[in-house]
Amino acid sequence: MEVKTKTAVPVDVPKRFNRKIVVVLSGGMDSTTLLYDAMNQWEEVYPITFHYGQKHSREVNAAYDTCKKLGLPFQSLNIPLDAIAPSSLTRETMDIPKGHYEDESMKQTVVPNRNMVFLAFATAYAIGIGAQTVAYGAHGGDHAIYPDCRGEFVEAMSGAMGLCDYKPVELWTPYLYWSKADILKKGIELGVDYSLTWTCYEGKELACGRCGACTERREAFREVGVEDPLKYKEV
C-alpha cells in the first residue's frame, strides 16, 4: 500500500538536531504510536497528557501506564474545557453517540478547539524545557468531523508556533494523511503495546465496541489482520 505522508517538519532530520521533543499523549492508539515513533528518532522524549473535563480518565490512565512501561516522565495538566466547550465527551447531559465517524451524529464528540488548546500548552512546555519540536497524532480518518485535525489547521498552527517565541518551535504530524490501519502497521513495526491503550469514548470496564472510536479501531485491526488486545463487550 502506498502511503501519502506530509509533515510540518522533515521526518529524516539527522538525530543530532532532534535532541528533545514534546509529544501530546492522550493514551489512545494514534498518540501512543507517535510516542514510540518519537522515541525511535529523538534522544529525549517528553509526553504531556491533559485532563480536559472528559467524563472518564481511562485514556489518561493508559497514558500513564505507557509512560511507566517506557520509563518516560509523565506530565499531566488540568484544563477544564468541559466548563466552556460543550461536547458529548465532557457533558453528562449529552449522550455519547454510537456509530461510524461518517455519521452526522459523531460531530457531538467534537470538543471545540481542543487541539489548539493542547498544542498551546505543549508549546509552552517545549519552550520551558528547551525542546525544538512538538508532536501530535492527527490523522486522515479524523478530518471529516474534527476541524482541528485538518491539514489547514496544522499548517496554521505550525506557522504560529514558529513565531511565538525567540526560537521557532516545530510541529511534527507524521500521520496527518494516514489511515488508522496505516498507523497500526507502523505501531506493529515499532513494537507498540496496544494492550495499554484505551480508545473507547466510554470509561467502563470493557470498551463498548460501538462508539465511533471503537468502530474505527476495530476496523483497523481487522484490515491489518491482527488481534486487538483491547477487550470489548459483546456487540
Protein backbone atom coordinates (compact mmCIF):
# COMPACT_ATOMS: atom_id res chain seq x y z
CA MET A 1 0.00 0.00 0.00
CA GLU A 2 1.33 3.42 -0.93
CA VAL A 3 1.09 5.80 2.00
CA LYS A 4 0.94 9.53 1.40
CA THR A 5 2.58 11.43 4.21
CA LYS A 6 3.02 15.07 4.97
CA THR A 7 4.80 16.52 7.96
CA ALA A 8 5.26 20.00 9.34
CA VAL A 9 8.99 19.25 9.64
CA PRO A 10 11.05 16.64 7.76
CA VAL A 11 10.93 13.17 9.27
CA ASP A 12 14.52 12.38 8.35
CA VAL A 13 16.25 15.32 10.06
CA PRO A 14 19.55 13.98 11.48
CA LYS A 15 19.09 12.86 15.06
CA ARG A 16 21.70 15.28 16.41
CA PHE A 17 19.31 18.12 15.55
CA ASN A 18 16.39 16.43 17.29
CA ARG A 19 17.56 16.25 20.89
CA LYS A 20 14.23 16.97 22.62
CA ILE A 21 10.59 16.58 21.61
CA VAL A 22 7.26 17.03 23.41
CA VAL A 23 4.53 14.56 22.43
CA VAL A 24 0.84 15.24 23.08
CA LEU A 25 -0.20 11.87 24.51
CA SER A 26 -3.86 11.00 25.01
CA GLY A 27 -3.35 7.33 25.78
CA GLY A 28 -5.11 6.25 22.59
CA MET A 29 -3.72 4.33 19.61
CA ASP A 30 -2.54 7.23 17.48
CA SER A 31 -0.70 9.26 20.10
CA THR A 32 0.85 6.15 21.67
CA THR A 33 2.19 5.06 18.27
CA LEU A 34 3.52 8.58 17.81
CA LEU A 35 5.26 8.37 21.19
CA TYR A 36 7.09 5.19 20.18
CA ASP A 37 7.90 6.78 16.81
CA ALA A 38 9.39 9.82 18.54
CA MET A 39 11.47 7.62 20.83
CA ASN A 40 12.91 5.98 17.72
CA GLN A 41 14.09 9.35 16.36
CA TRP A 42 14.69 11.76 19.24
CA GLU A 43 17.11 11.49 22.15
CA GLU A 44 14.80 12.96 24.79
CA VAL A 45 11.03 12.49 24.67
CA TYR A 46 8.61 14.34 26.96
CA PRO A 47 4.96 13.25 26.82
CA ILE A 48 2.24 15.61 28.01
CA THR A 49 -1.32 14.49 28.82
CA PHE A 50 -4.44 16.53 29.55
CA HIS A 51 -7.38 16.20 31.91
CA TYR A 52 -9.79 18.42 29.99
CA GLY A 53 -13.02 17.59 31.79
CA GLN A 54 -13.67 14.35 29.94
CA LYS A 55 -16.24 12.02 31.50
CA HIS A 56 -13.66 9.39 32.42
CA SER A 57 -9.91 9.06 32.92
CA ARG A 58 -9.28 5.74 31.19
CA GLU A 59 -7.16 7.29 28.44
CA VAL A 60 -5.18 9.35 30.93
CA ASN A 61 -4.52 6.21 32.97
CA ALA A 62 -3.45 4.44 29.77
CA ALA A 63 -1.02 7.27 29.00
CA TYR A 64 0.45 6.93 32.49
CA ASP A 65 0.84 3.15 32.09
CA THR A 66 2.62 3.57 28.75
CA CYS A 67 4.99 6.19 30.17
CA LYS A 68 5.74 3.93 33.12
CA LYS A 69 6.45 0.98 30.82
CA LEU A 70 8.78 3.07 28.65
CA GLY A 71 10.50 4.85 31.54
CA LEU A 72 9.35 8.29 30.41
CA PRO A 73 8.36 11.25 32.59
CA PHE A 74 4.60 11.68 32.97
CA GLN A 75 3.40 15.29 32.76
CA SER A 76 -0.33 15.98 33.03
CA LEU A 77 -2.30 19.21 33.13
CA ASN A 78 -5.86 20.02 34.16
CA ILE A 79 -7.70 22.19 31.65
CA PRO A 80 -11.45 22.39 32.37
CA LEU A 81 -12.75 22.57 28.82
CA ASP A 82 -16.00 20.98 29.99
CA ALA A 83 -16.95 24.34 31.51
CA ILE A 84 -16.75 26.26 28.23
CA ALA A 85 -16.63 23.75 25.35
CA PRO A 86 -19.77 21.55 25.20
CA SER A 87 -19.33 18.03 23.85
CA SER A 88 -20.76 14.58 24.50
CA LEU A 89 -17.29 13.68 25.77
CA THR A 90 -17.46 16.26 28.55
CA ARG A 91 -21.14 16.89 29.39
CA GLU A 92 -23.12 14.38 31.45
CA THR A 93 -26.29 15.78 29.92
CA MET A 94 -25.19 14.69 26.43
CA ASP A 95 -25.17 11.02 25.42
CA ILE A 96 -22.19 9.66 23.50
CA PRO A 97 -23.45 8.64 20.04
CA LYS A 98 -22.86 5.20 18.60
CA GLY A 99 -21.84 4.51 15.03
CA HIS A 100 -19.19 5.37 12.45
CA TYR A 101 -17.27 8.65 12.19
CA GLU A 102 -19.02 9.30 8.90
CA ASP A 103 -22.34 9.61 10.74
CA GLU A 104 -23.57 13.17 11.32
CA SER A 105 -24.20 12.40 14.99
CA MET A 106 -20.45 11.94 15.58
CA LYS A 107 -20.00 15.71 15.47
CA GLN A 108 -21.33 15.66 19.03
CA THR A 109 -17.95 14.19 20.06
CA VAL A 110 -16.05 17.28 18.91
CA VAL A 111 -14.61 19.24 21.84
CA PRO A 112 -14.41 22.78 20.42
CA ASN A 113 -10.84 23.95 19.77
CA ARG A 114 -9.34 21.16 21.89
CA ASN A 115 -6.22 20.59 19.81
CA MET A 116 -5.35 24.28 19.61
CA VAL A 117 -5.53 24.45 23.41
CA PHE A 118 -3.45 21.29 23.80
CA LEU A 119 -0.83 22.48 21.33
CA ALA A 120 -0.59 25.88 23.02
CA PHE A 121 0.21 24.27 26.37
CA ALA A 122 2.51 21.70 24.79
CA THR A 123 4.39 24.50 23.04
CA ALA A 124 4.82 26.39 26.32
CA TYR A 125 6.14 23.18 27.88
CA ALA A 126 8.54 22.67 24.98
CA ILE A 127 9.88 26.21 25.27
CA GLY A 128 10.30 25.77 29.01
CA ILE A 129 12.45 22.64 28.67
CA GLY A 130 14.29 23.72 25.54
CA ALA A 131 12.62 21.27 23.16
CA GLN A 132 12.66 22.12 19.47
CA THR A 133 9.62 20.11 18.40
CA VAL A 134 6.05 19.32 19.44
CA ALA A 135 4.21 16.31 18.02
CA TYR A 136 0.57 15.32 17.91
CA GLY A 137 -1.15 12.43 16.21
CA ALA A 138 -3.79 13.94 13.94
CA HIS A 139 -4.60 11.53 11.11
CA GLY A 140 -6.62 11.31 7.93
CA GLY A 141 -9.58 9.46 9.42
CA ASP A 142 -10.26 12.35 11.77
CA HIS A 143 -10.54 15.05 9.11
CA ALA A 144 -14.17 14.53 8.21
CA ILE A 145 -15.60 15.70 11.53
CA TYR A 146 -12.72 17.24 13.50
CA PRO A 147 -11.77 20.70 12.20
CA ASP A 148 -8.60 20.78 14.31
CA CYS A 149 -7.20 17.67 12.60
CA ARG A 150 -7.19 19.13 9.08
CA GLY A 151 -4.07 19.91 7.11
CA GLU A 152 -5.03 23.59 7.00
CA PHE A 153 -5.20 23.69 10.79
CA VAL A 154 -1.81 22.02 11.15
CA GLU A 155 -0.23 24.46 8.72
CA ALA A 156 -1.68 27.45 10.58
CA MET A 157 -0.56 26.13 13.97
CA SER A 158 2.88 25.35 12.60
CA GLY A 159 3.20 28.95 11.48
CA ALA A 160 2.10 30.33 14.84
CA MET A 161 4.45 28.02 16.75
CA GLY A 162 7.30 29.24 14.60
CA LEU A 163 6.62 32.81 15.71
CA CYS A 164 5.52 32.54 19.33
CA ASP A 165 9.00 32.57 20.91
CA TYR A 166 12.50 33.83 20.23
CA LYS A 167 13.35 30.47 18.64
CA PRO A 168 10.83 28.63 16.47
CA VAL A 169 9.11 25.51 17.76
CA GLU A 170 8.36 23.00 15.02
CA LEU A 171 5.18 20.93 14.75
CA TRP A 172 5.55 17.26 13.76
CA THR A 173 2.44 15.46 12.47
CA PRO A 174 3.71 12.44 10.53
CA TYR A 175 0.32 10.67 10.36
CA LEU A 176 -1.68 13.60 9.03
CA TYR A 177 -2.64 11.84 5.79
CA TRP A 178 -2.54 8.25 7.06
CA SER A 179 -5.42 5.95 7.85
CA LYS A 180 -5.89 4.23 11.21
CA ALA A 181 -4.69 1.00 9.62
CA ASP A 182 -1.52 2.72 8.36
CA ILE A 183 -0.80 3.91 11.90
CA LEU A 184 -1.42 0.44 13.29
CA LYS A 185 1.03 -1.06 10.80
CA LYS A 186 3.64 1.49 11.88
CA GLY A 187 2.95 0.69 15.52
CA ILE A 188 3.43 -3.02 14.94
CA GLU A 189 6.82 -2.24 13.35
CA LEU A 190 7.73 -0.17 16.41
CA GLY A 191 6.55 -2.78 18.89
CA VAL A 192 3.77 -0.66 20.41
CA ASP A 193 2.00 -2.32 23.33
CA TYR A 194 -1.60 -1.65 22.31
CA SER A 195 -2.91 -3.54 25.35
CA LEU A 196 -2.05 -0.43 27.37
CA THR A 197 -4.02 1.93 25.11
CA TRP A 198 -7.64 2.98 25.55
CA THR A 199 -9.83 4.14 22.67
CA CYS A 200 -13.48 3.90 23.75
CA TYR A 201 -15.38 7.10 24.49
CA GLU A 202 -16.95 5.36 27.46
CA GLY A 203 -14.91 4.72 30.58
CA LYS A 204 -16.36 1.40 31.67
CA GLU A 205 -14.52 -1.82 32.44
CA LEU A 206 -14.87 -3.05 28.85
CA ALA A 207 -14.82 -0.96 25.69
CA CYS A 208 -18.31 -0.50 24.23
CA GLY A 209 -17.30 -1.57 20.71
CA ARG A 210 -19.95 0.67 19.15
CA CYS A 211 -18.85 4.31 19.50
CA GLY A 212 -17.00 6.00 16.64
CA ALA A 213 -13.61 5.50 18.27
CA CYS A 214 -14.18 1.78 18.91
CA THR A 215 -15.61 1.26 15.43
CA GLU A 216 -12.60 2.81 13.73
CA ARG A 217 -10.14 0.93 15.93
CA ARG A 218 -11.79 -2.44 15.30
CA GLU A 219 -11.87 -1.77 11.54
CA ALA A 220 -8.12 -1.02 11.59
CA PHE A 221 -7.25 -4.24 13.40
CA ARG A 222 -9.45 -6.25 11.02
CA GLU A 223 -7.86 -4.58 7.98
CA VAL A 224 -4.33 -5.28 9.19
CA GLY A 225 -5.27 -8.81 10.22
CA VAL A 226 -4.05 -8.83 13.81
CA GLU A 227 -5.92 -9.38 17.04
CA ASP A 228 -6.90 -6.34 19.08
CA PRO A 229 -5.74 -6.82 22.70
CA LEU A 230 -8.46 -4.46 23.96
CA LYS A 231 -11.45 -6.27 25.46
CA TYR A 232 -14.94 -5.34 24.22
CA LYS A 233 -18.49 -6.00 25.25
CA GLU A 234 -20.34 -8.47 23.09
CA VAL A 235 -21.62 -6.41 20.17
